[in-house]
Amino acid sequence: MSWWIRPRRDADITDAHEVLLDLLSAVRDEAREQYGTSERSGWELVIDEELVELVALGRIDQAEDRLRAAVALTRHDTFREEETHSGR
């Protein structure tokens, strides 16, 4: 994920970027739990400005679905549960 954020570090980081980083972290942790590693193909295909836009529009579920599909995760709970409990 650092390969994606590094070029943007000098640009304006919006609230959507911060939420997306939380989402990426949750999905990465779940991939690590499910597969023993977060090194999965698909990250580089899904992390883009369109994903940021989904988050900015409040379409977090859709962004999470795209991420999960890209790295072939089967369970569907981590970020949404955290989001519900934190009041986001």
N, C-alpha and C. Protein backbone atom coordinates (compact mmCIF):
# COMPACT_ATOMS: atom_id res chain seq x y z
N MET A 1 0.81 -1.19 0.00
CA MET A 1 0.00 0.00 0.00
C MET A 1 0.86 1.26 0.00
N SER A 2 2.05 1.15 0.54
CA SER A 2 2.91 2.33 0.57
C SER A 2 3.26 2.79 -0.84
N TRP A 3 3.34 1.87 -1.81
CA TRP A 3 3.62 2.24 -3.19
C TRP A 3 2.54 3.15 -3.76
N TRP A 4 1.34 3.04 -3.21
CA TRP A 4 0.23 3.86 -3.70
C TRP A 4 0.18 5.20 -3.00
N ILE A 5 0.42 5.23 -1.70
CA ILE A 5 0.28 6.48 -0.94
C ILE A 5 1.51 7.38 -1.08
N ARG A 6 2.69 6.79 -1.27
CA ARG A 6 3.92 7.58 -1.31
C ARG A 6 3.85 8.73 -2.33
N PRO A 7 3.44 8.50 -3.57
CA PRO A 7 3.39 9.61 -4.53
C PRO A 7 2.37 10.68 -4.15
N ARG A 8 1.44 10.34 -3.30
CA ARG A 8 0.38 11.27 -2.91
C ARG A 8 0.68 12.01 -1.61
N ARG A 9 1.77 11.66 -0.96
CA ARG A 9 2.03 12.21 0.36
C ARG A 9 2.18 13.72 0.36
N ASP A 10 2.62 14.28 -0.75
CA ASP A 10 2.75 15.73 -0.83
C ASP A 10 1.46 16.40 -1.28
N ALA A 11 0.53 15.62 -1.77
CA ALA A 11 -0.78 16.15 -2.18
C ALA A 11 -1.69 16.22 -0.96
N ASP A 12 -2.83 16.81 -1.14
CA ASP A 12 -3.79 16.88 -0.05
C ASP A 12 -4.34 15.49 0.27
N ILE A 13 -4.17 15.09 1.49
CA ILE A 13 -4.75 13.84 1.96
C ILE A 13 -6.10 14.20 2.58
N THR A 14 -7.14 13.65 2.02
CA THR A 14 -8.49 13.99 2.46
C THR A 14 -8.98 13.00 3.51
N ASP A 15 -10.15 13.31 4.06
CA ASP A 15 -10.78 12.38 5.00
C ASP A 15 -11.03 11.03 4.32
N ALA A 16 -11.37 11.06 3.04
CA ALA A 16 -11.61 9.82 2.30
C ALA A 16 -10.35 8.96 2.26
N HIS A 17 -9.20 9.58 2.09
CA HIS A 17 -7.94 8.82 2.10
C HIS A 17 -7.72 8.17 3.46
N GLU A 18 -8.01 8.91 4.52
CA GLU A 18 -7.82 8.37 5.86
C GLU A 18 -8.75 7.18 6.11
N VAL A 19 -10.00 7.30 5.70
CA VAL A 19 -10.95 6.19 5.85
C VAL A 19 -10.50 5.01 5.00
N LEU A 20 -10.04 5.29 3.78
CA LEU A 20 -9.57 4.22 2.91
C LEU A 20 -8.37 3.51 3.52
N LEU A 21 -7.46 4.24 4.13
CA LEU A 21 -6.32 3.59 4.77
C LEU A 21 -6.77 2.68 5.90
N ASP A 22 -7.77 3.10 6.67
CA ASP A 22 -8.33 2.23 7.71
C ASP A 22 -8.94 0.98 7.10
N LEU A 23 -9.66 1.16 6.00
CA LEU A 23 -10.28 0.03 5.30
C LEU A 23 -9.21 -0.92 4.76
N LEU A 24 -8.19 -0.36 4.13
CA LEU A 24 -7.10 -1.18 3.61
C LEU A 24 -6.42 -1.97 4.72
N SER A 25 -6.21 -1.33 5.84
CA SER A 25 -5.58 -2.00 6.98
C SER A 25 -6.44 -3.16 7.47
N ALA A 26 -7.74 -2.94 7.58
CA ALA A 26 -8.64 -4.00 8.05
C ALA A 26 -8.66 -5.18 7.08
N VAL A 27 -8.73 -4.89 5.79
CA VAL A 27 -8.77 -5.96 4.78
C VAL A 27 -7.41 -6.67 4.74
N ARG A 28 -6.33 -5.91 4.86
CA ARG A 28 -5.00 -6.53 4.88
C ARG A 28 -4.86 -7.47 6.08
N ASP A 29 -5.33 -7.03 7.26
CA ASP A 29 -5.28 -7.88 8.44
C ASP A 29 -6.10 -9.15 8.25
N GLU A 30 -7.25 -9.00 7.63
CA GLU A 30 -8.10 -10.17 7.39
C GLU A 30 -7.44 -11.12 6.40
N ALA A 31 -6.79 -10.58 5.37
CA ALA A 31 -6.08 -11.43 4.40
C ALA A 31 -4.96 -12.19 5.12
N ARG A 32 -4.27 -11.49 5.99
CA ARG A 32 -3.18 -12.13 6.74
C ARG A 32 -3.73 -13.25 7.62
N GLU A 33 -4.87 -13.00 8.24
CA GLU A 33 -5.48 -14.02 9.10
C GLU A 33 -5.96 -15.22 8.29
N GLN A 34 -6.58 -14.95 7.16
CA GLN A 34 -7.16 -16.02 6.35
C GLN A 34 -6.11 -16.80 5.57
N TYR A 35 -5.09 -16.11 5.06
CA TYR A 35 -4.11 -16.76 4.19
C TYR A 35 -2.72 -16.90 4.80
N GLY A 36 -2.51 -16.32 5.98
CA GLY A 36 -1.20 -16.39 6.59
C GLY A 36 -0.26 -15.30 6.09
N THR A 37 -0.72 -14.50 5.16
CA THR A 37 0.06 -13.40 4.60
C THR A 37 -0.91 -12.39 3.96
N SER A 38 -0.46 -11.16 3.88
CA SER A 38 -1.26 -10.16 3.17
C SER A 38 -0.73 -9.96 1.76
N GLU A 39 0.34 -10.68 1.43
CA GLU A 39 0.93 -10.58 0.09
C GLU A 39 0.08 -11.37 -0.89
N ARG A 40 -0.92 -10.69 -1.42
CA ARG A 40 -1.85 -11.31 -2.36
C ARG A 40 -1.83 -10.52 -3.65
N SER A 41 -1.97 -11.18 -4.76
CA SER A 41 -2.10 -10.44 -6.01
C SER A 41 -3.48 -9.78 -6.02
N GLY A 42 -3.58 -8.67 -6.65
CA GLY A 42 -4.85 -7.97 -6.76
C GLY A 42 -4.85 -6.59 -6.15
N TRP A 43 -4.02 -6.37 -5.12
CA TRP A 43 -3.99 -5.05 -4.49
C TRP A 43 -3.72 -3.96 -5.52
N GLU A 44 -2.69 -4.19 -6.36
CA GLU A 44 -2.27 -3.16 -7.31
C GLU A 44 -3.32 -2.86 -8.37
N LEU A 45 -4.25 -3.78 -8.56
CA LEU A 45 -5.30 -3.57 -9.55
C LEU A 45 -6.50 -2.80 -9.00
N VAL A 46 -6.67 -2.82 -7.69
CA VAL A 46 -7.88 -2.25 -7.10
C VAL A 46 -7.65 -0.91 -6.39
N ILE A 47 -6.43 -0.68 -5.92
CA ILE A 47 -6.17 0.57 -5.19
C ILE A 47 -5.91 1.67 -6.20
N ASP A 48 -6.91 2.54 -6.33
CA ASP A 48 -6.81 3.62 -7.31
C ASP A 48 -7.70 4.79 -6.90
N GLU A 49 -7.73 5.81 -7.70
CA GLU A 49 -8.53 6.99 -7.38
C GLU A 49 -10.03 6.68 -7.38
N GLU A 50 -10.45 5.70 -8.16
CA GLU A 50 -11.86 5.31 -8.16
C GLU A 50 -12.26 4.77 -6.79
N LEU A 51 -11.37 4.04 -6.16
CA LEU A 51 -11.62 3.52 -4.82
C LEU A 51 -11.74 4.67 -3.81
N VAL A 52 -10.87 5.67 -3.94
CA VAL A 52 -10.95 6.86 -3.08
C VAL A 52 -12.29 7.55 -3.29
N GLU A 53 -12.71 7.66 -4.54
CA GLU A 53 -13.97 8.32 -4.85
C GLU A 53 -15.16 7.58 -4.23
N LEU A 54 -15.15 6.26 -4.28
CA LEU A 54 -16.22 5.49 -3.63
C LEU A 54 -16.30 5.83 -2.14
N VAL A 55 -15.16 5.89 -1.49
CA VAL A 55 -15.12 6.21 -0.07
C VAL A 55 -15.61 7.65 0.15
N ALA A 56 -15.15 8.57 -0.68
CA ALA A 56 -15.55 9.98 -0.55
C ALA A 56 -17.06 10.14 -0.69
N LEU A 57 -17.67 9.29 -1.51
CA LEU A 57 -19.12 9.33 -1.71
C LEU A 57 -19.88 8.57 -0.62
N GLY A 58 -19.14 8.01 0.33
CA GLY A 58 -19.78 7.28 1.41
C GLY A 58 -20.15 5.86 1.05
N ARG A 59 -19.64 5.37 -0.06
CA ARG A 59 -19.96 4.02 -0.52
C ARG A 59 -18.89 3.04 -0.03
N ILE A 60 -18.74 3.02 1.29
CA ILE A 60 -17.71 2.21 1.94
C ILE A 60 -17.92 0.72 1.66
N ASP A 61 -19.18 0.28 1.71
CA ASP A 61 -19.47 -1.14 1.45
C ASP A 61 -19.00 -1.54 0.06
N GLN A 62 -19.24 -0.69 -0.91
CA GLN A 62 -18.84 -0.99 -2.28
C GLN A 62 -17.31 -1.02 -2.39
N ALA A 63 -16.64 -0.07 -1.74
CA ALA A 63 -15.18 -0.06 -1.74
C ALA A 63 -14.63 -1.33 -1.09
N GLU A 64 -15.22 -1.71 0.04
CA GLU A 64 -14.78 -2.93 0.72
C GLU A 64 -15.02 -4.15 -0.16
N ASP A 65 -16.15 -4.22 -0.81
CA ASP A 65 -16.44 -5.35 -1.70
C ASP A 65 -15.40 -5.46 -2.80
N ARG A 66 -15.02 -4.32 -3.39
CA ARG A 66 -14.00 -4.33 -4.45
C ARG A 66 -12.66 -4.83 -3.91
N LEU A 67 -12.27 -4.34 -2.74
CA LEU A 67 -11.01 -4.78 -2.14
C LEU A 67 -11.02 -6.27 -1.85
N ARG A 68 -12.08 -6.72 -1.22
CA ARG A 68 -12.17 -8.13 -0.83
C ARG A 68 -12.14 -9.03 -2.06
N ALA A 69 -12.86 -8.66 -3.10
CA ALA A 69 -12.88 -9.46 -4.32
C ALA A 69 -11.49 -9.50 -4.96
N ALA A 70 -10.79 -8.38 -4.93
CA ALA A 70 -9.47 -8.30 -5.56
C ALA A 70 -8.46 -9.23 -4.92
N VAL A 71 -8.58 -9.45 -3.61
CA VAL A 71 -7.62 -10.32 -2.92
C VAL A 71 -8.24 -11.64 -2.50
N ALA A 72 -9.40 -11.93 -3.05
CA ALA A 72 -10.07 -13.23 -2.88
C ALA A 72 -10.37 -13.59 -1.43
N LEU A 73 -10.93 -12.63 -0.69
CA LEU A 73 -11.36 -12.92 0.68
C LEU A 73 -12.79 -13.43 0.67
N THR A 74 -13.07 -14.38 1.55
CA THR A 74 -14.40 -14.96 1.58
C THR A 74 -15.25 -14.44 2.72
N ARG A 75 -14.65 -14.18 3.88
CA ARG A 75 -15.42 -13.64 5.00
C ARG A 75 -15.72 -12.18 4.73
N HIS A 76 -16.73 -11.65 5.42
CA HIS A 76 -17.16 -10.30 5.11
C HIS A 76 -17.64 -9.59 6.36
N ASP A 77 -16.68 -9.18 7.21
CA ASP A 77 -17.14 -8.59 8.46
C ASP A 77 -16.21 -7.57 9.10
N THR A 78 -14.94 -7.66 8.93
CA THR A 78 -13.98 -6.92 9.75
C THR A 78 -14.21 -5.43 9.78
N PHE A 79 -14.11 -4.74 8.67
CA PHE A 79 -14.18 -3.28 8.68
C PHE A 79 -15.58 -2.80 9.03
N ARG A 80 -16.59 -3.46 8.54
CA ARG A 80 -17.95 -3.02 8.82
C ARG A 80 -18.27 -3.11 10.30
N GLU A 81 -17.78 -4.15 10.96
CA GLU A 81 -17.99 -4.27 12.40
C GLU A 81 -17.25 -3.16 13.14
N GLU A 82 -16.00 -2.90 12.75
CA GLU A 82 -15.23 -1.83 13.38
C GLU A 82 -15.91 -0.49 13.16
N GLU A 83 -16.41 -0.27 11.95
CA GLU A 83 -17.06 0.98 11.60
C GLU A 83 -18.31 1.18 12.44
N THR A 84 -19.07 0.12 12.62
CA THR A 84 -20.30 0.19 13.41
C THR A 84 -19.99 0.52 14.87
N HIS A 85 -18.97 -0.13 15.40
CA HIS A 85 -18.61 0.07 16.80
C HIS A 85 -17.96 1.42 17.06
N SER A 86 -17.27 1.97 16.06
CA SER A 86 -16.59 3.25 16.27
C SER A 86 -17.50 4.43 15.94
N GLY A 87 -18.68 4.15 15.36
CA GLY A 87 -19.64 5.21 15.07
C GLY A 87 -19.35 5.99 13.80
N ARG A 88 -18.55 5.44 12.92
CA ARG A 88 -18.25 6.13 11.66
C ARG A 88 -19.45 6.17 10.77
